[in-house]
Amino acid sequence: MPDTPNDITARLVAEPVPGDNALAMSVGELSAQLKRMVEGEFGHVRLRGEISGWKRAVSGHAYLALKDDSAVIDGVIWKGSVSALAFQPQDGVEVIATGRLTTYPGRSKYQIVIERMELAGAGALMALLEKLKAKLAAEGLFDASTRKPLPFLPRVIGVVTSPTGAVIRDILHRLEDRCPTHVLVWPVKVQGEGAAAEVAAAVRGFSAMPQGGAVPRPDLVIVARGGGSIEDLWTFNEEIVVRAVAECTIPIISAVGHETDTTLCDHAADLRAPTPTAAAEIAVPVLAELRLGLDAHANRIERCARRYVERGRERLTATARLLPTRDRLLGPQRQQVDDAAMRLDRGLERRVTLARGRLDRSAGALRPAMLQRQIDAARARLADIGRLLESVNPDTILERGYARVTARDGATVTTASAARSAAALTLVFQGKQSVDVKVERSGTRAYSPVKPEQPTLL
């Protein structure tokens, strides 16, 4: 009996079934058909959901999931669309994503290719702002202890703002009115795509400028923008801008928006100004007031110096009245000098009298006969000493044919052992004539000349 279409008997090998015109499809064919159906039906969709699992691949593409209370859908944002986003996506932020639905056959799943993504209202924007604020605060970027003091009178001020807006004109006019200062403007976009990167690059550029370079390094930086909505000011809430401001090595003033506007840049700066004009007022003092203050201090110094001199003169006059006169001071000393002079005269007279008496007594004792006897006695003693010296002179016996043996250093050799140990000897004859000799051998003494006129002691 032939098989019918209702037969569900399992077969080992698939065979055509009579009456069944459904051909077997490949998985790829089914996936391609599903892809065409999904993209054709959902070529443009807008989804509202909360970001989950946000991550950025090395290629620059971003992957995430959008979820609500009942469902989850995967999403992808290609690299070009990621760079065009007006904010930095984070998990937990509610957004509205615009794109197209497609399938990913490799995983049998459908996903949304996001072309544009915006925050889902002011509430979501504020939630993102508070989340980023808490994150940066936890890292210490808003600590008051890290804030740098502003210079009292900066020579160069760097301004990061739009070069065409009213903000830069207000700052320049206010600085000119208060205290003319050299200003360097780093032009940037203050809102829109790429504005955050330009502002951050400008702040880092000022911070990296070297001292003493061709362009003077600012002593103070002002980041400024006019007022606007929270969306308009969002550039100054971007993490890249906040980090650049917090890491700036130059004191920095944040002047973004009006007095009621607050951005994360204000928290990271060393000082927040309510308006750009107020930032210029804070940056420099009033030159006229400085001059008045200097004049006032100069007058005070002059008055103080004059008062000091006058009081010193008064004290000197009062002290001079208490000092004794010269006669009162020197009177006793003058009298003592006079007394000493009179005693000196009397003492000199007495000394002269005593000396004259001693001279007279000595003169009587100096008679010629006595002096002659003394001279004769001295001559006799001198002759005795001369004869004694002549008798002990070692060179006297040299006149009788003797010779004196000396070492080379002039010392007299008196023993044979000393002669044998000497390397060389000298014989001294009458008239202090000498001959150098050397010792040949010990034993019987015999004289044998070694060289003409140089005898050798044997």
Protein backbone atom coordinates (compact mmCIF):
# COMPACT_ATOMS: atom_id res chain seq x y z
CA MET A 1 0.00 0.00 0.00
CA PRO A 2 1.53 3.36 -1.02
CA ASP A 3 2.47 6.03 1.53
CA THR A 4 0.17 9.00 2.03
CA PRO A 5 1.12 12.57 3.16
CA ASN A 6 -0.35 11.84 6.59
CA ASP A 7 2.06 8.99 7.07
CA ILE A 8 4.58 10.03 9.70
CA THR A 9 6.49 6.81 9.68
CA ALA A 10 10.17 7.61 10.20
CA ARG A 11 12.48 6.78 7.37
CA LEU A 12 16.22 6.35 7.37
CA VAL A 13 16.74 8.27 4.15
CA ALA A 14 14.63 11.28 3.13
CA GLU A 15 12.58 10.68 0.00
CA PRO A 16 10.00 12.80 -1.85
CA VAL A 17 6.51 12.35 -0.52
CA PRO A 18 3.71 12.33 -3.06
CA GLY A 19 1.54 15.44 -2.80
CA ASP A 20 4.15 17.41 -0.70
CA ASN A 21 5.55 20.38 -2.72
CA ALA A 22 7.59 21.95 0.17
CA LEU A 23 11.24 21.72 -0.80
CA ALA A 24 13.91 21.42 1.88
CA MET A 25 15.69 24.82 2.53
CA SER A 26 19.24 25.31 3.70
CA VAL A 27 19.88 27.09 6.97
CA GLY A 28 21.57 29.90 5.08
CA GLU A 29 18.57 30.28 2.78
CA LEU A 30 16.23 30.49 5.73
CA SER A 31 18.47 33.02 7.50
CA ALA A 32 18.68 35.17 4.38
CA GLN A 33 14.90 35.04 3.96
CA LEU A 34 14.35 35.98 7.60
CA LYS A 35 16.88 38.83 7.22
CA ARG A 36 15.00 40.23 4.18
CA MET A 37 11.66 39.95 5.95
CA VAL A 38 12.87 41.63 9.16
CA GLU A 39 14.72 44.46 7.41
CA GLY A 40 11.82 45.00 5.02
CA GLU A 41 9.28 45.15 7.80
CA PHE A 42 11.39 47.06 10.35
CA GLY A 43 13.64 49.24 8.17
CA HIS A 44 13.18 52.25 10.51
CA VAL A 45 12.33 51.88 14.21
CA ARG A 46 12.67 53.98 17.35
CA LEU A 47 13.14 52.07 20.58
CA ARG A 48 13.02 53.37 24.13
CA GLY A 49 14.96 51.41 26.65
CA GLU A 50 17.71 51.29 29.23
CA ILE A 51 21.33 50.70 28.15
CA SER A 52 22.86 47.49 29.44
CA GLY A 53 26.23 45.87 28.75
CA TRP A 54 27.76 48.85 26.91
CA LYS A 55 31.19 48.09 25.53
CA ARG A 56 33.42 49.43 22.77
CA ALA A 57 35.43 47.04 20.62
CA VAL A 58 38.98 47.63 19.42
CA SER A 59 37.58 48.28 15.96
CA GLY A 60 35.68 51.30 17.28
CA HIS A 61 32.22 49.72 17.00
CA ALA A 62 30.01 49.64 20.10
CA TYR A 63 27.78 46.81 21.35
CA LEU A 64 24.98 47.06 23.89
CA ALA A 65 21.53 45.83 24.81
CA LEU A 66 18.32 47.84 25.24
CA LYS A 67 15.92 46.53 27.85
CA ASP A 68 12.71 47.35 29.63
CA ASP A 69 10.68 45.45 32.19
CA SER A 70 9.60 42.71 29.78
CA ALA A 71 12.21 42.25 27.01
CA VAL A 72 15.79 42.71 25.84
CA ILE A 73 17.13 43.39 22.36
CA ASP A 74 20.78 43.48 21.31
CA GLY A 75 22.15 46.47 19.46
CA VAL A 76 25.22 47.58 17.58
CA ILE A 77 26.50 51.06 16.70
CA TRP A 78 29.05 51.28 13.93
CA LYS A 79 32.21 53.33 14.47
CA GLY A 80 31.07 56.37 12.47
CA SER A 81 27.83 56.65 14.42
CA VAL A 82 29.60 56.23 17.78
CA SER A 83 31.76 59.29 17.18
CA ALA A 84 28.65 61.32 16.31
CA LEU A 85 26.92 60.65 19.64
CA ALA A 86 26.29 63.79 21.69
CA PHE A 87 26.95 62.04 25.00
CA GLN A 88 28.96 59.18 26.44
CA PRO A 89 26.62 56.18 26.84
CA GLN A 90 26.64 54.35 30.16
CA ASP A 91 24.82 51.39 31.61
CA GLY A 92 21.55 52.28 33.30
CA VAL A 93 20.81 55.35 31.16
CA GLU A 94 17.44 55.45 29.45
CA VAL A 95 17.70 56.38 25.78
CA ILE A 96 15.72 56.50 22.55
CA ALA A 97 17.57 54.67 19.79
CA THR A 98 16.79 55.17 16.11
CA GLY A 99 17.86 52.59 13.54
CA ARG A 100 16.86 49.49 11.65
CA LEU A 101 16.19 45.94 12.68
CA THR A 102 18.29 43.17 11.21
CA THR A 103 19.38 39.62 11.93
CA TYR A 104 22.74 38.12 12.68
CA PRO A 105 22.73 34.67 11.07
CA GLY A 106 25.93 33.65 12.81
CA ARG A 107 24.04 33.50 16.12
CA SER A 108 20.45 33.10 14.97
CA LYS A 109 19.44 36.37 16.61
CA TYR A 110 17.95 39.66 15.64
CA GLN A 111 19.36 43.04 16.67
CA ILE A 112 18.98 46.74 16.05
CA VAL A 113 21.62 48.66 14.14
CA ILE A 114 21.53 52.05 15.88
CA GLU A 115 22.16 55.10 13.74
CA ARG A 116 21.21 57.76 16.28
CA MET A 117 20.78 57.65 20.03
CA GLU A 118 19.47 60.33 22.38
CA LEU A 119 18.68 60.55 26.03
CA ALA A 120 15.06 59.83 26.82
CA GLY A 121 14.18 63.27 28.21
CA ALA A 122 15.64 65.62 30.84
CA GLY A 123 15.21 63.02 33.55
CA ALA A 124 17.52 60.61 31.79
CA LEU A 125 19.99 63.41 31.16
CA MET A 126 20.04 64.35 34.82
CA ALA A 127 20.41 60.72 35.81
CA LEU A 128 23.43 60.42 33.51
CA LEU A 129 24.84 63.63 34.94
CA GLU A 130 24.48 62.47 38.54
CA LYS A 131 25.99 59.11 37.74
CA LEU A 132 29.03 60.67 36.09
CA LYS A 133 29.34 63.19 38.90
CA ALA A 134 29.39 60.44 41.52
CA LYS A 135 31.98 58.49 39.56
CA LEU A 136 34.36 61.43 39.16
CA ALA A 137 33.84 62.56 42.75
CA ALA A 138 34.81 59.09 43.96
CA GLU A 139 38.09 59.46 42.05
CA GLY A 140 38.84 62.71 43.90
CA LEU A 141 38.52 65.05 40.91
CA PHE A 142 36.34 67.46 42.89
CA ASP A 143 38.35 67.53 46.15
CA ALA A 144 38.80 71.06 47.47
CA SER A 145 42.27 70.14 48.79
CA THR A 146 43.59 69.81 45.22
CA ARG A 147 42.56 73.29 44.14
CA LYS A 148 45.38 75.67 43.26
CA PRO A 149 45.40 79.32 44.42
CA LEU A 150 44.89 81.93 41.73
CA PRO A 151 47.74 84.36 40.99
CA PHE A 152 47.13 87.88 42.30
CA LEU A 153 48.24 89.65 39.13
CA PRO A 154 48.63 87.24 36.17
CA ARG A 155 50.84 88.48 33.36
CA VAL A 156 49.27 86.16 30.75
CA ILE A 157 45.70 84.79 30.77
CA GLY A 158 44.62 81.92 28.53
CA VAL A 159 40.96 81.79 27.47
CA VAL A 160 39.26 78.67 26.08
CA THR A 161 36.05 79.70 24.31
CA SER A 162 34.45 80.37 20.96
CA PRO A 163 36.34 83.10 19.07
CA THR A 164 33.16 84.55 17.52
CA GLY A 165 30.77 84.77 20.45
CA ALA A 166 30.03 87.63 22.81
CA VAL A 167 31.85 85.84 25.63
CA ILE A 168 35.36 86.61 24.45
CA ARG A 169 34.46 90.25 23.75
CA ASP A 170 33.01 90.64 27.25
CA ILE A 171 36.13 89.11 28.83
CA LEU A 172 38.51 91.29 26.82
CA HIS A 173 36.57 94.49 27.53
CA ARG A 174 36.36 93.70 31.24
CA LEU A 175 40.09 92.98 31.45
CA GLU A 176 40.86 96.20 29.57
CA ASP A 177 38.73 98.21 31.98
CA ARG A 178 40.19 96.68 35.13
CA CYS A 179 43.82 95.85 34.35
CA PRO A 180 45.16 95.46 30.79
CA THR A 181 46.69 92.01 30.51
CA HIS A 182 48.15 89.86 27.75
CA VAL A 183 45.44 87.37 26.65
CA LEU A 184 45.90 84.13 24.66
CA VAL A 185 42.68 82.81 23.09
CA TRP A 186 42.43 79.12 22.18
CA PRO A 187 39.42 78.98 19.81
CA VAL A 188 37.08 75.98 20.24
CA LYS A 189 33.53 74.90 19.57
CA VAL A 190 31.49 75.13 22.76
CA GLN A 191 28.65 72.80 21.75
CA GLY A 192 27.83 70.18 19.19
CA GLU A 193 29.75 67.27 17.76
CA GLY A 194 33.45 67.30 18.65
CA ALA A 195 33.15 70.27 21.03
CA ALA A 196 34.18 68.29 24.11
CA ALA A 197 37.34 66.99 22.42
CA GLU A 198 38.32 70.51 21.31
CA VAL A 199 37.80 72.02 24.78
CA ALA A 200 39.78 69.22 26.44
CA ALA A 201 42.59 69.57 23.89
CA ALA A 202 42.76 73.34 24.47
CA VAL A 203 43.02 72.96 28.25
CA ARG A 204 45.71 70.29 27.92
CA GLY A 205 47.51 72.42 25.34
CA PHE A 206 47.76 75.39 27.70
CA SER A 207 48.91 73.09 30.50
CA ALA A 208 51.65 71.57 28.32
CA MET A 209 53.13 74.91 27.21
CA PRO A 210 56.73 75.27 28.50
CA GLN A 211 58.02 78.19 30.51
CA GLY A 212 60.13 80.60 28.51
CA GLY A 213 58.90 79.34 25.13
CA ALA A 214 58.18 81.34 22.01
CA VAL A 215 54.56 81.72 23.18
CA PRO A 216 54.30 82.82 26.83
CA ARG A 217 52.74 80.24 29.13
CA PRO A 218 49.55 81.50 30.82
CA ASP A 219 49.55 82.15 34.55
CA LEU A 220 45.77 81.59 34.60
CA VAL A 221 43.25 79.84 32.32
CA ILE A 222 39.56 80.72 31.90
CA VAL A 223 37.15 78.19 30.36
CA ALA A 224 34.10 80.20 29.32
CA ARG A 225 30.76 79.85 27.55
CA GLY A 226 27.52 81.80 27.48
CA GLY A 227 24.25 80.60 28.98
CA GLY A 228 21.93 77.95 27.57
CA SER A 229 19.93 74.84 28.34
CA ILE A 230 21.46 71.76 29.92
CA GLU A 231 21.75 70.27 26.45
CA ASP A 232 23.64 73.35 25.23
CA LEU A 233 26.05 73.18 28.15
CA TRP A 234 26.50 69.41 28.00
CA THR A 235 29.97 69.71 26.45
CA PHE A 236 31.24 70.90 29.83
CA ASN A 237 29.75 67.85 31.55
CA GLU A 238 31.67 65.43 29.34
CA GLU A 239 34.18 63.26 31.18
CA ILE A 240 37.03 64.16 28.82
CA VAL A 241 36.58 67.88 29.58
CA VAL A 242 36.23 67.39 33.33
CA ARG A 243 39.40 65.30 33.50
CA ALA A 244 41.37 67.81 31.44
CA VAL A 245 40.30 70.66 33.75
CA ALA A 246 41.11 68.66 36.90
CA GLU A 247 44.57 67.69 35.59
CA CYS A 248 45.53 71.18 34.38
CA THR A 249 48.75 72.36 36.02
CA ILE A 250 47.74 76.02 35.62
CA PRO A 251 45.13 77.57 37.95
CA ILE A 252 41.83 77.50 36.07
CA ILE A 253 38.51 79.39 36.37
CA SER A 254 35.31 77.82 35.03
CA ALA A 255 32.81 80.39 33.70
CA VAL A 256 30.19 78.30 31.91
CA GLY A 257 26.64 79.62 31.53
CA HIS A 258 24.86 82.02 33.83
CA GLU A 259 24.88 82.15 37.61
CA THR A 260 22.21 79.46 37.97
CA ASP A 261 23.92 77.07 35.54
CA THR A 262 26.23 74.44 37.01
CA THR A 263 28.36 71.91 35.15
CA LEU A 264 30.85 69.25 36.21
CA CYS A 265 33.58 71.50 34.81
CA ASP A 266 32.73 73.99 37.57
CA HIS A 267 33.37 71.33 40.23
CA ALA A 268 36.73 70.31 38.73
CA ALA A 269 38.06 73.87 38.27
CA ASP A 270 40.04 75.71 40.93
CA LEU A 271 37.34 78.38 41.05
CA ARG A 272 33.85 78.81 39.58
CA ALA A 273 32.73 82.18 38.28
CA PRO A 274 29.00 82.89 37.88
CA THR A 275 29.52 84.45 34.44
CA PRO A 276 32.38 84.97 31.98
CA THR A 277 32.44 88.68 32.87
CA ALA A 278 32.74 87.79 36.54
CA ALA A 279 35.64 85.49 35.65
CA ALA A 280 37.50 88.45 34.17
CA GLU A 281 36.78 90.46 37.34
CA ILE A 282 38.08 87.65 39.51
CA ALA A 283 41.17 87.12 37.36
CA VAL A 284 42.72 90.58 37.80
CA PRO A 285 42.43 93.43 40.31
CA VAL A 286 41.45 96.97 39.35
CA LEU A 287 44.61 98.81 38.27
CA ALA A 288 43.33 102.17 39.48
CA GLU A 289 42.57 100.72 42.89
CA LEU A 290 46.05 99.20 43.01
CA ARG A 291 47.59 102.56 42.26
CA LEU A 292 45.47 104.26 44.90
CA GLY A 293 46.42 101.57 47.36
CA LEU A 294 50.10 101.97 46.54
CA ASP A 295 49.85 105.74 46.93
CA ALA A 296 48.09 105.32 50.25
CA HIS A 297 50.77 102.89 51.46
CA ALA A 298 53.51 105.26 50.27
CA ASN A 299 51.92 108.13 52.20
CA ARG A 300 51.60 106.00 55.30
CA ILE A 301 55.22 104.91 55.01
CA GLU A 302 56.32 108.52 54.63
CA ARG A 303 54.26 109.63 57.64
CA CYS A 304 55.55 106.75 59.70
CA ALA A 305 59.15 107.53 58.76
CA ARG A 306 58.69 111.22 59.50
CA ARG A 307 57.03 110.43 62.83
CA TYR A 308 59.83 108.02 63.68
CA VAL A 309 62.47 110.67 62.95
CA GLU A 310 60.60 113.31 64.96
CA ARG A 311 60.21 111.03 67.95
CA GLY A 312 63.87 110.06 67.72
CA ARG A 313 64.86 113.73 67.68
CA GLU A 314 62.67 114.37 70.73
CA ARG A 315 64.21 111.43 72.60
CA LEU A 316 67.70 112.59 71.65
CA THR A 317 67.00 116.13 72.91
CA ALA A 318 65.57 114.80 76.17
CA THR A 319 68.52 112.49 76.66
CA ALA A 320 71.02 115.27 75.86
CA ARG A 321 69.55 117.38 78.66
CA LEU A 322 70.35 114.63 81.14
CA LEU A 323 73.99 114.26 80.05
CA PRO A 324 76.65 116.13 82.16
CA THR A 325 78.75 118.88 80.53
CA ARG A 326 82.29 118.31 79.30
CA ASP A 327 83.85 120.25 82.18
CA ARG A 328 81.90 118.21 84.71
CA LEU A 329 82.99 114.99 83.10
CA LEU A 330 86.66 115.87 82.58
CA GLY A 331 87.32 118.02 85.67
CA PRO A 332 88.56 115.23 87.99
CA GLN A 333 90.68 113.72 85.23
CA ARG A 334 92.30 117.09 84.47
CA GLN A 335 93.21 117.53 88.12
CA GLN A 336 94.69 114.03 88.26
CA VAL A 337 96.83 114.82 85.17
CA ASP A 338 98.13 117.99 86.77
CA ASP A 339 99.02 116.15 90.00
CA ALA A 340 100.81 113.45 88.02
CA ALA A 341 102.76 116.06 86.04
CA MET A 342 104.00 117.73 89.22
CA ARG A 343 105.00 114.39 90.73
CA LEU A 344 106.81 113.53 87.51
CA ASP A 345 108.84 116.75 87.63
CA ARG A 346 109.91 116.11 91.19
CA GLY A 347 110.72 112.49 90.43
CA LEU A 348 112.90 113.44 87.44
CA GLU A 349 114.84 115.97 89.48
CA ARG A 350 115.49 113.39 92.17
CA ARG A 351 116.60 110.76 89.65
CA VAL A 352 119.03 113.20 88.02
CA THR A 353 120.52 114.11 91.39
CA LEU A 354 121.02 110.45 92.35
CA ALA A 355 122.57 109.65 88.96
CA ARG A 356 124.95 112.57 89.17
CA GLY A 357 126.17 111.34 92.60
CA ARG A 358 126.77 107.77 91.32
CA LEU A 359 128.68 109.21 88.34
CA ASP A 360 130.90 111.29 90.58
CA ARG A 361 131.72 108.28 92.73
CA SER A 362 132.51 106.12 89.71
CA ALA A 363 134.67 108.79 88.11
CA GLY A 364 136.88 108.90 91.19
CA ALA A 365 137.59 105.17 90.87
CA LEU A 366 138.64 105.39 87.20
CA ARG A 367 142.40 106.25 87.58
CA PRO A 368 144.92 105.57 84.70
CA ALA A 369 147.30 103.38 86.71
CA MET A 370 144.45 101.09 87.84
CA LEU A 371 143.18 100.78 84.29
CA GLN A 372 146.69 99.88 82.99
CA ARG A 373 147.11 97.12 85.58
CA GLN A 374 143.78 95.62 84.56
CA ILE A 375 144.74 95.75 80.85
CA ASP A 376 148.12 94.03 81.54
CA ALA A 377 146.41 91.26 83.51
CA ALA A 378 143.93 90.65 80.71
CA ARG A 379 146.73 90.45 78.13
CA ALA A 380 148.62 87.88 80.25
CA ARG A 381 145.52 85.69 80.54
CA LEU A 382 144.95 85.93 76.80
CA ALA A 383 148.58 84.87 76.08
CA ASP A 384 148.23 81.83 78.36
CA ILE A 385 145.04 80.75 76.58
CA GLY A 386 146.77 81.14 73.18
CA ARG A 387 149.70 78.92 74.24
CA LEU A 388 147.24 76.34 75.56
CA LEU A 389 145.34 76.27 72.29
CA GLU A 390 148.58 75.93 70.31
CA SER A 391 149.66 72.96 72.41
CA VAL A 392 146.45 71.04 71.86
CA ASN A 393 146.18 71.85 68.13
CA PRO A 394 146.36 68.45 66.30
CA ASP A 395 147.98 70.03 63.23
CA THR A 396 151.02 71.29 65.16
CA ILE A 397 152.89 67.95 65.07
CA LEU A 398 152.38 67.75 61.29
CA GLU A 399 155.35 70.15 60.99
CA ARG A 400 157.59 67.36 62.37
CA GLY A 401 156.71 64.94 59.49
CA TYR A 402 153.58 63.34 60.86
CA ALA A 403 150.26 62.94 58.94
CA ARG A 404 146.68 62.84 60.28
CA VAL A 405 144.33 60.13 59.04
CA THR A 406 140.73 61.18 58.44
CA ALA A 407 137.63 59.64 56.94
CA ARG A 408 135.98 61.16 53.89
CA ASP A 409 133.57 63.07 56.16
CA GLY A 410 136.54 64.82 57.88
CA ALA A 411 136.42 62.83 61.14
CA THR A 412 139.87 61.80 62.52
CA VAL A 413 140.54 58.04 62.41
CA THR A 414 142.31 56.98 65.62
CA THR A 415 142.17 53.15 65.53
CA ALA A 416 143.20 50.43 63.08
CA SER A 417 139.76 48.84 63.19
CA ALA A 418 138.20 52.13 62.17
CA ALA A 419 140.72 52.44 59.30
CA ARG A 420 140.01 48.88 58.08
CA SER A 421 136.24 49.43 58.11
CA ALA A 422 136.50 52.70 56.19
CA ALA A 423 136.01 52.46 52.43
CA ALA A 424 138.50 55.27 51.79
CA LEU A 425 140.82 57.48 53.90
CA THR A 426 142.55 60.84 53.58
CA LEU A 427 146.07 61.69 54.84
CA VAL A 428 146.43 65.30 55.94
CA PHE A 429 150.02 66.74 55.89
CA GLN A 430 151.64 70.02 56.92
CA GLY A 431 150.01 73.04 55.39
CA LYS A 432 146.68 71.16 55.23
CA GLN A 433 147.77 69.32 52.10
CA SER A 434 145.96 65.99 51.75
CA VAL A 435 146.21 62.73 49.81
CA ASP A 436 143.28 60.25 49.33
CA VAL A 437 144.17 56.60 50.03
CA LYS A 438 142.21 53.33 50.26
CA VAL A 439 142.71 50.23 52.40
CA GLU A 440 144.05 47.23 50.40
CA ARG A 441 144.48 44.69 53.16
CA SER A 442 145.02 44.38 56.87
CA GLY A 443 148.19 43.19 58.56
CA THR A 444 151.66 44.71 58.20
CA ARG A 445 151.38 48.36 57.33
CA ALA A 446 153.19 49.32 54.14
CA TYR A 447 152.70 52.34 51.97
CA SER A 448 152.37 51.73 48.25
CA PRO A 449 151.16 54.40 45.91
CA VAL A 450 148.16 53.44 43.83
CA LYS A 451 148.32 56.38 41.51
CA PRO A 452 150.82 59.14 41.18
CA GLU A 453 150.42 61.50 44.08
CA GLN A 454 147.67 59.21 45.62
CA PRO A 455 149.28 56.79 48.20
CA THR A 456 147.35 53.76 49.37
CA LEU A 457 147.37 52.55 52.98
CA LEU A 458 148.06 48.75 53.01
